[in-house]
Amino acid sequence: MPILPSGRRIDFSLDRFEAMLSRMPVAEAEKTVATLGNPDDLLFVTDVVLYRDDSGEPFFSGFLATDFESYVGDWSQTDQDALAKWIESDNARYYRAEAIDAIRHVVAEVVDRETSYHPMLQAA
């Protein structure tokens, strides 16, 4: 993950999005994942994780990755520009596309399990 000009280290997390998907009915999770059409769609559900200066412990910042495209927060313009540039990079877009594929795969496995337990759904 990127280290910003100020030295601040950033990570990104899909943990809360994945937890939300796991609590949804399978059909709703499937529809939600189907809306992820390109890597930038994932920015709306990707949490920004920061690290405490004193302990180095990670914490959710309260920002989503997409927030930095509108330059919110109290960060320096230099840090915000660097993060926006990184988010838009080919490398970051590649990893978001890979994450979407992984999420789709997990949801598809759950759908397959669900339909194998319900013979009536298989006939539909």
N, C-alpha and C. Protein backbone atom coordinates (compact mmCIF):
# COMPACT_ATOMS: atom_id res chain seq x y z
N MET A 1 0.83 -1.17 0.00
CA MET A 1 0.00 0.00 0.00
C MET A 1 0.88 1.24 0.00
N PRO A 2 0.28 2.34 -0.39
CA PRO A 2 1.11 3.53 -0.57
C PRO A 2 1.59 4.15 0.74
N ILE A 3 2.77 4.74 0.65
CA ILE A 3 3.27 5.62 1.70
C ILE A 3 3.23 7.02 1.10
N LEU A 4 2.53 7.91 1.78
CA LEU A 4 2.30 9.25 1.25
C LEU A 4 3.51 10.15 1.50
N PRO A 5 3.58 11.29 0.81
CA PRO A 5 4.72 12.20 0.97
C PRO A 5 4.99 12.59 2.43
N SER A 6 3.96 12.65 3.25
CA SER A 6 4.14 13.01 4.65
C SER A 6 4.73 11.87 5.47
N GLY A 7 4.80 10.66 4.88
CA GLY A 7 5.27 9.48 5.60
C GLY A 7 4.13 8.63 6.12
N ARG A 8 2.91 9.12 5.98
CA ARG A 8 1.73 8.38 6.43
C ARG A 8 1.56 7.13 5.56
N ARG A 9 1.35 5.99 6.23
CA ARG A 9 1.13 4.73 5.51
C ARG A 9 -0.36 4.46 5.45
N ILE A 10 -0.83 4.01 4.31
CA ILE A 10 -2.24 3.78 4.06
C ILE A 10 -2.45 2.32 3.68
N ASP A 11 -3.51 1.75 4.15
CA ASP A 11 -3.96 0.44 3.68
C ASP A 11 -5.43 0.59 3.30
N PHE A 12 -5.93 -0.42 2.64
CA PHE A 12 -7.34 -0.45 2.26
C PHE A 12 -7.93 -1.75 2.73
N SER A 13 -9.21 -1.72 3.06
CA SER A 13 -9.86 -2.91 3.59
C SER A 13 -11.24 -3.10 2.97
N LEU A 14 -11.51 -4.34 2.62
CA LEU A 14 -12.84 -4.73 2.17
C LEU A 14 -13.57 -5.52 3.25
N ASP A 15 -13.00 -5.58 4.44
CA ASP A 15 -13.58 -6.39 5.52
C ASP A 15 -15.03 -6.05 5.81
N ARG A 16 -15.34 -4.78 5.92
CA ARG A 16 -16.73 -4.41 6.26
C ARG A 16 -17.68 -4.70 5.12
N PHE A 17 -17.23 -4.51 3.88
CA PHE A 17 -18.06 -4.84 2.71
C PHE A 17 -18.32 -6.35 2.67
N GLU A 18 -17.28 -7.14 2.88
CA GLU A 18 -17.44 -8.59 2.86
C GLU A 18 -18.33 -9.05 4.01
N ALA A 19 -18.22 -8.43 5.16
CA ALA A 19 -19.10 -8.77 6.28
C ALA A 19 -20.55 -8.44 5.95
N MET A 20 -20.76 -7.30 5.30
CA MET A 20 -22.12 -6.92 4.89
C MET A 20 -22.68 -7.95 3.91
N LEU A 21 -21.87 -8.36 2.93
CA LEU A 21 -22.32 -9.37 1.96
C LEU A 21 -22.68 -10.67 2.66
N SER A 22 -21.91 -11.04 3.68
CA SER A 22 -22.16 -12.32 4.36
C SER A 22 -23.46 -12.30 5.17
N ARG A 23 -23.95 -11.12 5.52
CA ARG A 23 -25.20 -11.02 6.28
C ARG A 23 -26.43 -10.88 5.39
N MET A 24 -26.21 -10.65 4.10
CA MET A 24 -27.32 -10.47 3.16
C MET A 24 -27.89 -11.82 2.74
N PRO A 25 -29.16 -11.83 2.35
CA PRO A 25 -29.65 -13.02 1.67
C PRO A 25 -28.80 -13.23 0.41
N VAL A 26 -28.61 -14.49 0.05
CA VAL A 26 -27.71 -14.83 -1.05
C VAL A 26 -28.07 -14.10 -2.34
N ALA A 27 -29.34 -14.04 -2.66
CA ALA A 27 -29.76 -13.38 -3.91
C ALA A 27 -29.41 -11.90 -3.89
N GLU A 28 -29.54 -11.26 -2.73
CA GLU A 28 -29.20 -9.84 -2.62
C GLU A 28 -27.69 -9.63 -2.74
N ALA A 29 -26.91 -10.51 -2.12
CA ALA A 29 -25.46 -10.43 -2.24
C ALA A 29 -25.03 -10.60 -3.70
N GLU A 30 -25.68 -11.52 -4.38
CA GLU A 30 -25.37 -11.77 -5.79
C GLU A 30 -25.67 -10.52 -6.64
N LYS A 31 -26.80 -9.87 -6.37
CA LYS A 31 -27.14 -8.64 -7.09
C LYS A 31 -26.16 -7.51 -6.77
N THR A 32 -25.77 -7.41 -5.52
CA THR A 32 -24.83 -6.36 -5.11
C THR A 32 -23.49 -6.54 -5.81
N VAL A 33 -23.00 -7.76 -5.83
CA VAL A 33 -21.71 -8.03 -6.47
C VAL A 33 -21.81 -7.81 -7.98
N ALA A 34 -22.96 -8.06 -8.56
CA ALA A 34 -23.15 -7.85 -10.00
C ALA A 34 -23.00 -6.37 -10.37
N THR A 35 -23.19 -5.46 -9.41
CA THR A 35 -23.04 -4.03 -9.71
C THR A 35 -21.59 -3.60 -9.80
N LEU A 36 -20.67 -4.47 -9.42
CA LEU A 36 -19.24 -4.14 -9.49
C LEU A 36 -18.75 -4.40 -10.90
N GLY A 37 -18.96 -3.43 -11.78
CA GLY A 37 -18.65 -3.62 -13.19
C GLY A 37 -17.22 -3.28 -13.58
N ASN A 38 -16.59 -2.39 -12.84
CA ASN A 38 -15.20 -2.05 -13.16
C ASN A 38 -14.46 -1.76 -11.86
N PRO A 39 -13.14 -1.72 -11.91
CA PRO A 39 -12.36 -1.57 -10.67
C PRO A 39 -12.72 -0.34 -9.84
N ASP A 40 -13.14 0.74 -10.48
CA ASP A 40 -13.47 1.94 -9.72
C ASP A 40 -14.74 1.79 -8.90
N ASP A 41 -15.61 0.86 -9.28
CA ASP A 41 -16.83 0.63 -8.48
C ASP A 41 -16.49 0.18 -7.07
N LEU A 42 -15.37 -0.48 -6.90
CA LEU A 42 -14.97 -0.98 -5.59
C LEU A 42 -14.57 0.15 -4.64
N LEU A 43 -14.23 1.32 -5.18
CA LEU A 43 -13.83 2.44 -4.34
C LEU A 43 -14.92 2.88 -3.37
N PHE A 44 -16.17 2.64 -3.74
CA PHE A 44 -17.29 3.07 -2.91
C PHE A 44 -17.51 2.19 -1.68
N VAL A 45 -16.83 1.04 -1.63
CA VAL A 45 -17.00 0.12 -0.49
C VAL A 45 -15.67 -0.26 0.15
N THR A 46 -14.59 0.43 -0.25
CA THR A 46 -13.26 0.13 0.27
C THR A 46 -12.90 1.15 1.34
N ASP A 47 -12.70 0.65 2.56
CA ASP A 47 -12.33 1.52 3.68
C ASP A 47 -10.84 1.87 3.62
N VAL A 48 -10.53 3.10 4.02
CA VAL A 48 -9.14 3.53 4.16
C VAL A 48 -8.72 3.23 5.60
N VAL A 49 -7.62 2.52 5.73
CA VAL A 49 -7.08 2.16 7.04
C VAL A 49 -5.81 2.99 7.27
N LEU A 50 -5.75 3.60 8.43
CA LEU A 50 -4.57 4.38 8.84
C LEU A 50 -3.88 3.66 9.99
N TYR A 51 -2.72 4.16 10.37
CA TYR A 51 -1.95 3.56 11.46
C TYR A 51 -1.64 4.63 12.50
N ARG A 52 -1.82 4.27 13.76
CA ARG A 52 -1.53 5.20 14.85
C ARG A 52 -0.04 5.50 14.89
N ASP A 53 0.29 6.78 15.11
CA ASP A 53 1.69 7.20 15.14
C ASP A 53 2.44 6.55 16.30
N ASP A 54 1.78 6.45 17.46
CA ASP A 54 2.47 5.96 18.65
C ASP A 54 2.66 4.45 18.68
N SER A 55 1.65 3.70 18.26
CA SER A 55 1.71 2.24 18.39
C SER A 55 1.80 1.51 17.05
N GLY A 56 1.50 2.20 15.98
CA GLY A 56 1.50 1.54 14.68
C GLY A 56 0.28 0.66 14.45
N GLU A 57 -0.69 0.71 15.36
CA GLU A 57 -1.91 -0.10 15.23
C GLU A 57 -2.81 0.46 14.13
N PRO A 58 -3.38 -0.43 13.32
CA PRO A 58 -4.29 0.04 12.27
C PRO A 58 -5.66 0.41 12.83
N PHE A 59 -6.32 1.34 12.14
CA PHE A 59 -7.69 1.70 12.50
C PHE A 59 -8.41 2.23 11.26
N PHE A 60 -9.73 2.02 11.23
CA PHE A 60 -10.52 2.55 10.13
C PHE A 60 -10.55 4.07 10.24
N SER A 61 -10.27 4.74 9.14
CA SER A 61 -10.17 6.20 9.15
C SER A 61 -11.53 6.89 9.12
N GLY A 62 -12.56 6.17 8.70
CA GLY A 62 -13.86 6.80 8.50
C GLY A 62 -14.04 7.28 7.06
N PHE A 63 -13.02 7.11 6.24
CA PHE A 63 -13.08 7.48 4.83
C PHE A 63 -13.15 6.23 3.97
N LEU A 64 -13.79 6.39 2.84
CA LEU A 64 -13.76 5.37 1.80
C LEU A 64 -12.74 5.82 0.76
N ALA A 65 -12.27 4.88 -0.03
CA ALA A 65 -11.27 5.21 -1.04
C ALA A 65 -11.78 6.29 -1.99
N THR A 66 -13.06 6.27 -2.30
CA THR A 66 -13.62 7.26 -3.23
C THR A 66 -13.62 8.68 -2.66
N ASP A 67 -13.55 8.82 -1.33
CA ASP A 67 -13.56 10.14 -0.73
C ASP A 67 -12.38 11.00 -1.18
N PHE A 68 -11.28 10.36 -1.52
CA PHE A 68 -10.10 11.14 -1.87
C PHE A 68 -10.15 11.68 -3.29
N GLU A 69 -11.09 11.21 -4.07
CA GLU A 69 -11.28 11.79 -5.39
C GLU A 69 -11.96 13.16 -5.26
N SER A 70 -12.66 13.39 -4.14
CA SER A 70 -13.29 14.69 -3.92
C SER A 70 -12.49 15.52 -2.92
N TYR A 71 -11.33 15.02 -2.51
CA TYR A 71 -10.42 15.74 -1.63
C TYR A 71 -11.08 16.17 -0.32
N VAL A 72 -11.53 15.18 0.43
CA VAL A 72 -12.10 15.45 1.74
C VAL A 72 -11.04 15.18 2.81
N GLY A 73 -11.32 15.63 3.98
CA GLY A 73 -10.43 15.37 5.10
C GLY A 73 -9.49 16.53 5.37
N ASP A 74 -8.68 16.35 6.39
CA ASP A 74 -7.78 17.42 6.82
C ASP A 74 -6.34 17.14 6.41
N TRP A 75 -6.14 16.27 5.43
CA TRP A 75 -4.80 15.96 4.96
C TRP A 75 -4.26 17.07 4.10
N SER A 76 -2.95 17.12 3.99
CA SER A 76 -2.34 18.12 3.11
C SER A 76 -2.75 17.83 1.67
N GLN A 77 -2.75 18.85 0.87
CA GLN A 77 -3.08 18.70 -0.55
C GLN A 77 -2.11 17.73 -1.22
N THR A 78 -0.86 17.76 -0.80
CA THR A 78 0.16 16.87 -1.37
C THR A 78 -0.18 15.40 -1.10
N ASP A 79 -0.57 15.09 0.15
CA ASP A 79 -0.94 13.72 0.48
C ASP A 79 -2.21 13.29 -0.28
N GLN A 80 -3.19 14.18 -0.34
CA GLN A 80 -4.43 13.85 -1.05
C GLN A 80 -4.17 13.62 -2.53
N ASP A 81 -3.34 14.46 -3.13
CA ASP A 81 -3.02 14.30 -4.55
C ASP A 81 -2.28 12.98 -4.78
N ALA A 82 -1.34 12.66 -3.91
CA ALA A 82 -0.57 11.42 -4.05
C ALA A 82 -1.48 10.20 -3.92
N LEU A 83 -2.40 10.24 -2.97
CA LEU A 83 -3.30 9.10 -2.80
C LEU A 83 -4.24 8.98 -3.99
N ALA A 84 -4.77 10.09 -4.46
CA ALA A 84 -5.65 10.05 -5.63
C ALA A 84 -4.90 9.50 -6.84
N LYS A 85 -3.66 9.91 -7.01
CA LYS A 85 -2.85 9.41 -8.13
C LYS A 85 -2.63 7.91 -8.00
N TRP A 86 -2.33 7.45 -6.78
CA TRP A 86 -2.11 6.02 -6.56
C TRP A 86 -3.39 5.23 -6.83
N ILE A 87 -4.52 5.72 -6.33
CA ILE A 87 -5.81 5.04 -6.52
C ILE A 87 -6.12 4.89 -8.02
N GLU A 88 -5.74 5.88 -8.80
CA GLU A 88 -6.03 5.86 -10.23
C GLU A 88 -4.97 5.12 -11.05
N SER A 89 -3.91 4.65 -10.41
CA SER A 89 -2.83 3.98 -11.14
C SER A 89 -3.28 2.63 -11.70
N ASP A 90 -2.60 2.21 -12.75
CA ASP A 90 -2.90 0.91 -13.36
C ASP A 90 -2.71 -0.22 -12.36
N ASN A 91 -1.69 -0.13 -11.53
CA ASN A 91 -1.41 -1.17 -10.54
C ASN A 91 -2.56 -1.30 -9.53
N ALA A 92 -3.02 -0.19 -9.00
CA ALA A 92 -4.12 -0.22 -8.03
C ALA A 92 -5.41 -0.70 -8.68
N ARG A 93 -5.65 -0.27 -9.91
CA ARG A 93 -6.85 -0.73 -10.63
C ARG A 93 -6.78 -2.23 -10.87
N TYR A 94 -5.61 -2.75 -11.17
CA TYR A 94 -5.44 -4.19 -11.37
C TYR A 94 -5.83 -4.95 -10.10
N TYR A 95 -5.33 -4.51 -8.96
CA TYR A 95 -5.64 -5.22 -7.71
C TYR A 95 -7.10 -5.08 -7.32
N ARG A 96 -7.73 -3.96 -7.65
CA ARG A 96 -9.17 -3.85 -7.39
C ARG A 96 -9.94 -4.81 -8.29
N ALA A 97 -9.52 -4.95 -9.53
CA ALA A 97 -10.18 -5.90 -10.44
C ALA A 97 -10.02 -7.33 -9.92
N GLU A 98 -8.84 -7.65 -9.42
CA GLU A 98 -8.60 -8.98 -8.83
C GLU A 98 -9.50 -9.19 -7.61
N ALA A 99 -9.66 -8.16 -6.80
CA ALA A 99 -10.52 -8.27 -5.61
C ALA A 99 -11.97 -8.50 -6.01
N ILE A 100 -12.43 -7.82 -7.06
CA ILE A 100 -13.80 -8.03 -7.54
C ILE A 100 -13.97 -9.47 -8.00
N ASP A 101 -13.00 -9.99 -8.74
CA ASP A 101 -13.08 -11.39 -9.18
C ASP A 101 -13.15 -12.33 -7.99
N ALA A 102 -12.36 -12.08 -6.97
CA ALA A 102 -12.35 -12.94 -5.78
C ALA A 102 -13.70 -12.88 -5.06
N ILE A 103 -14.26 -11.69 -4.94
CA ILE A 103 -15.57 -11.54 -4.29
C ILE A 103 -16.64 -12.26 -5.09
N ARG A 104 -16.63 -12.09 -6.39
CA ARG A 104 -17.60 -12.79 -7.25
C ARG A 104 -17.48 -14.30 -7.09
N HIS A 105 -16.25 -14.79 -7.01
CA HIS A 105 -16.02 -16.22 -6.86
C HIS A 105 -16.62 -16.74 -5.55
N VAL A 106 -16.40 -16.01 -4.47
CA VAL A 106 -16.93 -16.43 -3.17
C VAL A 106 -18.46 -16.44 -3.19
N VAL A 107 -19.06 -15.39 -3.74
CA VAL A 107 -20.52 -15.33 -3.80
C VAL A 107 -21.06 -16.44 -4.70
N ALA A 108 -20.40 -16.71 -5.81
CA ALA A 108 -20.83 -17.79 -6.70
C ALA A 108 -20.77 -19.14 -5.99
N GLU A 109 -19.74 -19.36 -5.18
CA GLU A 109 -19.65 -20.61 -4.42
C GLU A 109 -20.81 -20.73 -3.44
N VAL A 110 -21.17 -19.63 -2.79
CA VAL A 110 -22.30 -19.65 -1.85
C VAL A 110 -23.59 -19.94 -2.61
N VAL A 111 -23.78 -19.32 -3.76
CA VAL A 111 -24.97 -19.56 -4.57
C VAL A 111 -25.03 -21.03 -4.97
N ASP A 112 -23.90 -21.59 -5.40
CA ASP A 112 -23.86 -23.01 -5.76
C ASP A 112 -24.24 -23.90 -4.59
N ARG A 113 -23.72 -23.59 -3.41
CA ARG A 113 -24.05 -24.38 -2.21
C ARG A 113 -25.54 -24.28 -1.90
N GLU A 114 -26.05 -23.05 -1.99
CA GLU A 114 -27.47 -22.84 -1.68
C GLU A 114 -28.35 -23.64 -2.63
N THR A 115 -28.05 -23.60 -3.93
CA THR A 115 -28.90 -24.31 -4.88
C THR A 115 -28.74 -25.82 -4.76
N SER A 116 -27.57 -26.28 -4.32
CA SER A 116 -27.41 -27.73 -4.15
C SER A 116 -28.19 -28.23 -2.94
N TYR A 117 -28.46 -27.37 -1.96
CA TYR A 117 -29.25 -27.75 -0.79
C TYR A 117 -30.74 -27.65 -1.04
N HIS A 118 -31.14 -26.95 -2.10
CA HIS A 118 -32.54 -26.73 -2.39
C HIS A 118 -32.86 -27.25 -3.79
N PRO A 119 -33.27 -28.51 -3.91
CA PRO A 119 -33.54 -29.10 -5.22
C PRO A 119 -34.54 -28.30 -6.05
N MET A 120 -35.49 -27.63 -5.42
CA MET A 120 -36.48 -26.85 -6.16
C MET A 120 -35.82 -25.67 -6.87
N LEU A 121 -34.75 -25.09 -6.27
CA LEU A 121 -34.06 -23.98 -6.90
C LEU A 121 -33.27 -24.44 -8.13
N GLN A 122 -32.80 -25.69 -8.10
CA GLN A 122 -32.06 -26.22 -9.23
C GLN A 122 -32.96 -26.35 -10.47
N ALA A 123 -34.23 -26.66 -10.24
CA ALA A 123 -35.15 -26.85 -11.36
C ALA A 123 -35.57 -25.52 -11.96
N ALA A 124 -35.42 -24.44 -11.22
CA ALA A 124 -35.89 -23.13 -11.71
C ALA A 124 -35.02 -22.54 -12.76
